[in-house]
C-alpha atoms as a PDB file:
ATOM      1  CA  MET A   1      -0.037  -0.018  -0.011  1.00  0.00           C
ATOM      2  CA  GLY A   2       2.859   2.403   0.867  1.00  0.00           C
ATOM      3  CA  PHE A   3       4.541   1.717  -2.536  1.00  0.00           C
ATOM      4  CA  PHE A   4       1.279   2.530  -4.345  1.00  0.00           C
ATOM      5  CA  LEU A   5       0.878   5.774  -2.390  1.00  0.00           C
ATOM      6  CA  GLY A   6       4.533   6.740  -3.199  1.00  0.00           C
ATOM      7  CA  ILE A   7       3.874   6.269  -6.914  1.00  0.00           C
ATOM      8  CA  VAL A   8       0.678   8.383  -6.795  1.00  0.00           C
ATOM      9  CA  LEU A   9       2.452  11.089  -4.857  1.00  0.00           C
ATOM     10  CA  ALA A  10       5.430  11.128  -7.297  1.00  0.00           C
ATOM     11  CA  THR A  11       3.065  11.234 -10.224  1.00  0.00           C
ATOM     12  CA  LEU A  12       1.174  14.253  -8.755  1.00  0.00           C
ATOM     13  CA  VAL A  13       4.447  16.098  -8.069  1.00  0.00           C
ATOM     14  CA  VAL A  14       5.666  15.476 -11.664  1.00  0.00           C
ATOM     15  CA  PHE A  15       2.310  16.640 -13.024  1.00  0.00           C
ATOM     16  CA  TRP A  16       2.464  19.767 -10.789  1.00  0.00           C
ATOM     17  CA  VAL A  17       5.920  20.624 -12.047  1.00  0.00           C
ATOM     18  CA  LEU A  18       5.285  19.942 -15.744  1.00  0.00           C
ATOM     19  CA  TYR A  19       1.692  21.387 -15.969  1.00  0.00           C
ATOM     20  CA  PRO A  20       2.765  24.941 -16.938  1.00  0.00           C
ATOM     21  CA  VAL A  21       4.977  23.589 -19.707  1.00  0.00           C
ATOM     22  CA  VAL A  22       2.285  21.187 -21.018  1.00  0.00           C
ATOM     23  CA  ALA A  23      -0.266  23.956 -20.883  1.00  0.00           C
ATOM     24  CA  GLY A  24       1.865  26.292 -22.860  1.00  0.00           C
ATOM     25  CA  GLN A  25       2.232  28.942 -20.222  1.00  0.00           C
ATOM     26  CA  GLU A  26       5.185  31.246 -20.551  1.00  0.00           C
ATOM     27  CA  ALA A  27       6.803  33.750 -18.273  1.00  0.00           C
ATOM     28  CA  PRO A  28       7.644  37.128 -20.013  1.00  0.00           C
ATOM     29  CA  MET A  29      11.284  37.838 -20.636  1.00  0.00           C
ATOM     30  CA  GLU A  30      10.877  41.641 -20.585  1.00  0.00           C
ATOM     31  CA  ARG A  31       9.895  43.737 -17.688  1.00  0.00           C
ATOM     32  CA  ASP A  32       6.333  44.952 -17.721  1.00  0.00           C
ATOM     33  CA  ASP A  33       5.942  48.779 -17.664  1.00  0.00           C
ATOM     34  CA  GLU A  34       3.754  48.519 -14.582  1.00  0.00           C
ATOM     35  CA  GLU A  35       6.345  46.433 -12.792  1.00  0.00           C
ATOM     36  CA  LEU A  36       8.600  48.435 -10.322  1.00  0.00           C
ATOM     37  CA  THR A  37      12.300  48.592 -11.021  1.00  0.00           C
ATOM     38  CA  GLU A  38      14.717  48.094  -8.181  1.00  0.00           C
ATOM     39  CA  ALA A  39      15.289  51.841  -7.826  1.00  0.00           C
ATOM     40  CA  GLN A  40      11.581  52.598  -7.863  1.00  0.00           C
ATOM     41  CA  HIS A  41      11.057  49.971  -5.183  1.00  0.00           C
ATOM     42  CA  ARG A  42      13.876  51.330  -3.024  1.00  0.00           C
ATOM     43  CA  LYS A  43      12.390  54.862  -3.456  1.00  0.00           C
ATOM     44  CA  ARG A  44       8.972  53.650  -2.363  1.00  0.00           C
ATOM     45  CA  VAL A  45      10.413  51.823   0.606  1.00  0.00           C
ATOM     46  CA  ALA A  46      12.306  54.981   1.694  1.00  0.00           C
ATOM     47  CA  LEU A  47       9.295  57.149   1.389  1.00  0.00           C
ATOM     48  CA  PHE A  48       7.216  54.728   3.508  1.00  0.00           C
ATOM     49  CA  ALA A  49       9.940  54.660   6.049  1.00  0.00           C
ATOM     50  CA  LEU A  50       9.955  58.385   6.177  1.00  0.00           C
ATOM     51  CA  ARG A  51       6.187  58.287   6.760  1.00  0.00           C
ATOM     52  CA  ASP A  52       6.637  55.724   9.490  1.00  0.00           C
ATOM     53  CA  VAL A  53       9.325  57.782  11.234  1.00  0.00           C
ATOM     54  CA  GLU A  54       6.973  60.755  11.113  1.00  0.00           C
ATOM     55  CA  TYR A  55       4.127  58.653  12.724  1.00  0.00           C
ATOM     56  CA  ASP A  56       6.514  57.302  15.447  1.00  0.00           C
ATOM     57  CA  TYR A  57       7.728  60.834  16.281  1.00  0.00           C
ATOM     58  CA  HIS A  58       4.244  62.269  16.482  1.00  0.00           C
ATOM     59  CA  ALA A  59       3.073  59.315  18.474  1.00  0.00           C
ATOM     60  CA  GLY A  60       5.822  59.993  21.073  1.00  0.00           C
ATOM     61  CA  LYS A  61       7.733  56.809  20.310  1.00  0.00           C
ATOM     62  CA  LEU A  62      10.896  58.783  19.127  1.00  0.00           C
ATOM     63  CA  ASP A  63      12.565  61.732  20.770  1.00  0.00           C
ATOM     64  CA  GLU A  64      13.591  64.689  18.556  1.00  0.00           C
ATOM     65  CA  GLU A  65      17.231  63.691  18.379  1.00  0.00           C
ATOM     66  CA  ASP A  66      16.413  60.131  17.115  1.00  0.00           C
ATOM     67  CA  TYR A  67      13.760  61.448  14.829  1.00  0.00           C
ATOM     68  CA  LEU A  68      16.092  63.913  13.134  1.00  0.00           C
ATOM     69  CA  LYS A  69      18.871  61.321  12.833  1.00  0.00           C
ATOM     70  CA  MET A  70      16.558  58.721  11.258  1.00  0.00           C
ATOM     71  CA  LYS A  71      14.967  61.299   8.976  1.00  0.00           C
ATOM     72  CA  ARG A  72      18.383  62.337   7.711  1.00  0.00           C
ATOM     73  CA  GLU A  73      19.419  58.699   7.035  1.00  0.00           C
ATOM     74  CA  ILE A  74      16.244  57.686   5.307  1.00  0.00           C
ATOM     75  CA  SER A  75      16.172  60.894   3.241  1.00  0.00           C
ATOM     76  CA  SER A  76      19.690  60.193   1.989  1.00  0.00           C
ATOM     77  CA  GLU A  77      18.539  56.692   0.999  1.00  0.00           C
ATOM     78  CA  ALA A  78      15.631  58.145  -0.811  1.00  0.00           C
ATOM     79  CA  LEU A  79      17.933  60.548  -2.671  1.00  0.00           C
ATOM     80  CA  GLU A  80      20.211  57.652  -3.650  1.00  0.00           C
ATOM     81  CA  ALA A  81      17.189  55.776  -4.876  1.00  0.00           C
ATOM     82  CA  LEU A  82      16.128  58.819  -6.889  1.00  0.00           C
ATOM     83  CA  ASP A  83      19.640  59.002  -8.440  1.00  0.00           C
ATOM     84  CA  ALA A  84      19.460  55.312  -9.388  1.00  0.00           C
ATOM     85  CA  GLU A  85      16.037  55.738 -10.804  1.00  0.00           C
ATOM     86  CA  GLU A  86      17.181  58.716 -12.815  1.00  0.00           C
ATOM     87  CA  ALA A  87      20.093  56.602 -14.126  1.00  0.00           C
ATOM     88  CA  GLU A  88      17.837  53.753 -15.137  1.00  0.00           C
ATOM     89  CA  TRP A  89      15.457  56.182 -16.831  1.00  0.00           C
ATOM     90  CA  ALA A  90      18.391  57.817 -18.753  1.00  0.00           C
ATOM     91  CA  GLU A  91      19.798  54.372 -19.798  1.00  0.00           C
ATOM     92  CA  ARG A  92      16.253  53.304 -20.921  1.00  0.00           C
ATOM     93  CA  GLU A  93      15.768  56.528 -22.880  1.00  0.00           C
ATOM     94  CA  GLY A  94      19.164  56.154 -24.417  1.00  0.00           C
ATOM     95  CA  ARG A  95      18.300  52.634 -25.593  1.00  0.00           C
ATOM     96  CA  ARG A  96      15.005  53.918 -27.020  1.00  0.00           C
ATOM     97  CA  ALA A  97      16.796  56.822 -28.785  1.00  0.00           C
ATOM     98  CA  ALA A  98      19.383  54.361 -30.228  1.00  0.00           C
ATOM     99  CA  GLN A  99      16.662  51.996 -31.448  1.00  0.00           C
ATOM    100  CA  ALA A 100      14.777  54.914 -33.010  1.00  0.00           C
ATOM    101  CA  GLU A 101      17.962  56.144 -34.714  1.00  0.00           C
ATOM    102  CA  ALA A 102      18.702  52.759 -35.976  1.00  0.00           C
ATOM    103  CA  ARG A 103      15.230  52.618 -37.614  1.00  0.00           C
ATOM    104  CA  GLY A 104      15.751  56.011 -39.101  1.00  0.00           C
ATOM    105  CA  ALA A 105      13.215  57.929 -36.933  1.00  0.00           C
ATOM    106  CA  GLU A 106      12.253  61.423 -37.913  1.00  0.00           C
ATOM    107  CA  ASP A 107      13.492  64.575 -36.120  1.00  0.00           C
ATOM    108  CA  SER A 108      10.002  65.325 -34.915  1.00  0.00           C
ATOM    109  CA  GLU A 109       9.930  62.183 -32.749  1.00  0.00           C
ATOM    110  CA  ALA A 110      13.365  63.208 -31.231  1.00  0.00           C
ATOM    111  CA  GLY A 111      11.864  66.534 -30.291  1.00  0.00           C
ATOM    112  CA  GLU A 112       9.017  64.747 -28.561  1.00  0.00           C
ATOM    113  CA  VAL A 113      11.471  62.695 -26.395  1.00  0.00           C
ATOM    114  CA  GLY A 114      13.387  65.954 -25.498  1.00  0.00           C
ATOM    115  CA  GLY A 115      10.127  67.538 -24.260  1.00  0.00           C
ATOM    116  CA  ARG A 116       9.330  64.578 -22.087  1.00  0.00           C
ATOM    117  CA  ASP A 117      12.902  64.564 -20.763  1.00  0.00           C
ATOM    118  CA  SER A 118      12.541  68.136 -19.520  1.00  0.00           C
ATOM    119  CA  GLY A 119       9.268  67.352 -17.708  1.00  0.00           C
ATOM    120  CA  VAL A 120      10.708  64.299 -15.957  1.00  0.00           C
ATOM    121  CA  GLU A 121      13.872  66.299 -14.964  1.00  0.00           C
ATOM    122  CA  ASP A 122      11.657  68.992 -13.428  1.00  0.00           C
ATOM    123  CA  GLU A 123       9.638  66.431 -11.460  1.00  0.00           C
ATOM    124  CA  ILE A 124      12.809  64.710 -10.199  1.00  0.00           C
ATOM    125  CA  GLN A 125      14.196  68.087  -9.198  1.00  0.00           C
ATOM    126  CA  ALA A 126      10.992  68.975  -7.342  1.00  0.00           C
ATOM    127  CA  LEU A 127      11.038  65.663  -5.498  1.00  0.00           C
ATOM    128  CA  ARG A 128      14.680  66.092  -4.527  1.00  0.00           C
ATOM    129  CA  SER A 129      14.059  69.621  -3.282  1.00  0.00           C
ATOM    130  CA  SER A 130      11.062  68.568  -1.200  1.00  0.00           C
ATOM    131  CA  LEU A 131      13.081  65.692   0.373  1.00  0.00           C
ATOM    132  CA  ARG A 132      15.926  68.046   1.249  1.00  0.00           C
ATOM    133  CA  GLU A 133      13.583  70.692   2.711  1.00  0.00           C
ATOM    134  CA  GLY A 134      11.680  68.045   4.629  1.00  0.00           C
ATOM    135  CA  VAL A 135       8.276  68.847   3.253  1.00  0.00           C
ATOM    136  CA  ILE A 136       6.909  65.419   3.485  1.00  0.00           C
ATOM    137  CA  CYS A 137       3.248  64.680   4.262  1.00  0.00           C
ATOM    138  CA  ARG A 138       3.043  62.922   7.683  1.00  0.00           C
ATOM    139  CA  GLU A 139      -0.183  61.114   6.591  1.00  0.00           C
ATOM    140  CA  CYS A 140       0.747  59.562   3.254  1.00  0.00           C
ATOM    141  CA  GLY A 141       4.516  60.156   2.920  1.00  0.00           C
ATOM    142  CA  GLN A 142       4.124  62.144  -0.327  1.00  0.00           C
ATOM    143  CA  PRO A 143       6.793  64.896  -0.828  1.00  0.00           C
ATOM    144  CA  SER A 144       5.338  68.349  -1.579  1.00  0.00           C
ATOM    145  CA  PRO A 145       6.829  71.500  -3.181  1.00  0.00           C
ATOM    146  CA  ARG A 146       8.224  74.268  -0.981  1.00  0.00           C
ATOM    147  CA  GLY A 147       5.527  76.537   0.382  1.00  0.00           C
ATOM    148  CA  SER A 148       2.763  73.884   0.108  1.00  0.00           C
ATOM    149  CA  ARG A 149       0.235  74.144   2.984  1.00  0.00           C
ATOM    150  CA  PHE A 150      -1.656  71.028   2.029  1.00  0.00           C
ATOM    151  CA  CYS A 151      -0.533  67.613   0.653  1.00  0.00           C
ATOM    152  CA  GLY A 152      -1.316  67.285  -3.105  1.00  0.00           C
ATOM    153  CA  GLU A 153      -1.955  63.526  -2.576  1.00  0.00           C
ATOM    154  CA  CYS A 154      -4.246  63.242   0.420  1.00  0.00           C
ATOM    155  CA  GLY A 155      -5.059  66.920   1.272  1.00  0.00           C
ATOM    156  CA  SER A 156      -3.710  66.805   4.813  1.00  0.00           C
ATOM    157  CA  ALA A 157      -2.313  70.057   6.281  1.00  0.00           C
ATOM    158  CA  LEU A 158       1.403  70.312   6.065  1.00  0.00           C
ATOM    159  CA  ARG A 159       3.579  72.057   8.625  1.00  0.00           C
ATOM    160  CA  ALA A 160       5.206  75.301   7.545  1.00  0.00           C
ATOM    161  CA  THR A 161       8.904  75.040   6.633  1.00  0.00           C
ATOM    162  CA  GLY A 162      10.993  76.047   9.612  1.00  0.00           C
ATOM    163  CA  ASP A 163       8.227  75.629  12.189  1.00  0.00           C
ATOM    164  CA  PRO A 164       9.188  73.218  14.999  1.00  0.00           C
ATOM    165  CA  ILE A 165       7.573  69.837  14.662  1.00  0.00           C
ATOM    166  CA  GLU A 166       5.390  69.019  17.664  1.00  0.00           C
ATOM    167  CA  PRO A 167       3.892  65.701  18.471  1.00  0.00           C
ATOM    168  CA  ARG A 168       0.171  65.407  17.815  1.00  0.00           C
ATOM    169  CA  THR A 169      -2.141  65.588  20.798  1.00  0.00           C
ATOM    170  CA  SER A 170      -5.449  63.867  21.134  1.00  0.00           C
ATOM    171  CA  SER A 171      -8.491  65.859  20.057  1.00  0.00           C
ATOM    172  CA  SER A 172     -10.209  65.158  23.328  1.00  0.00           C
ATOM    173  CA  GLY A 173      -7.651  67.238  25.336  1.00  0.00           C
ATOM    174  CA  SER A 174      -8.397  70.859  26.025  1.00  0.00           C
ATOM    175  CA  ALA A 175      -5.966  73.720  25.319  1.00  0.00           C
ATOM    176  CA  SER A 176      -4.655  75.632  28.386  1.00  0.00           C
END
């Protein structure tokens, strides 16, 4: 009986392993445009970490010294991820331009790529600026341009640049 059970189990394992091949399923060799690159993933993780540090500070779990130290470290990681993402983007655009050139693309298409390049550069510069200035929404972690009073992503009020950051207090407490 044990021998028969072993054969059935082995047959099921072989079937489980070979099923995708027999069914004709394939894994794509190219990265999907919706799939995050390593640099994009690192940037997202750093921004979430910044948000979490903000939450912990405002919840009273971190003192100001630890908060500032962690914020500096995570911000530098986010900036490194932005640089890596920018390098990946430049490499990808370089390959696209080389492919377009090889196919004999017209000059009007090259002008289109240059216009998009400028817009992306402006967006990257704004993101770097907001990370350096520390204008990060404490609710969603989204960086905002200097002088913003509200988050463009979730609408939460942002603290003014240069104002001291104070931990949140419960809404049930009364002001003295």
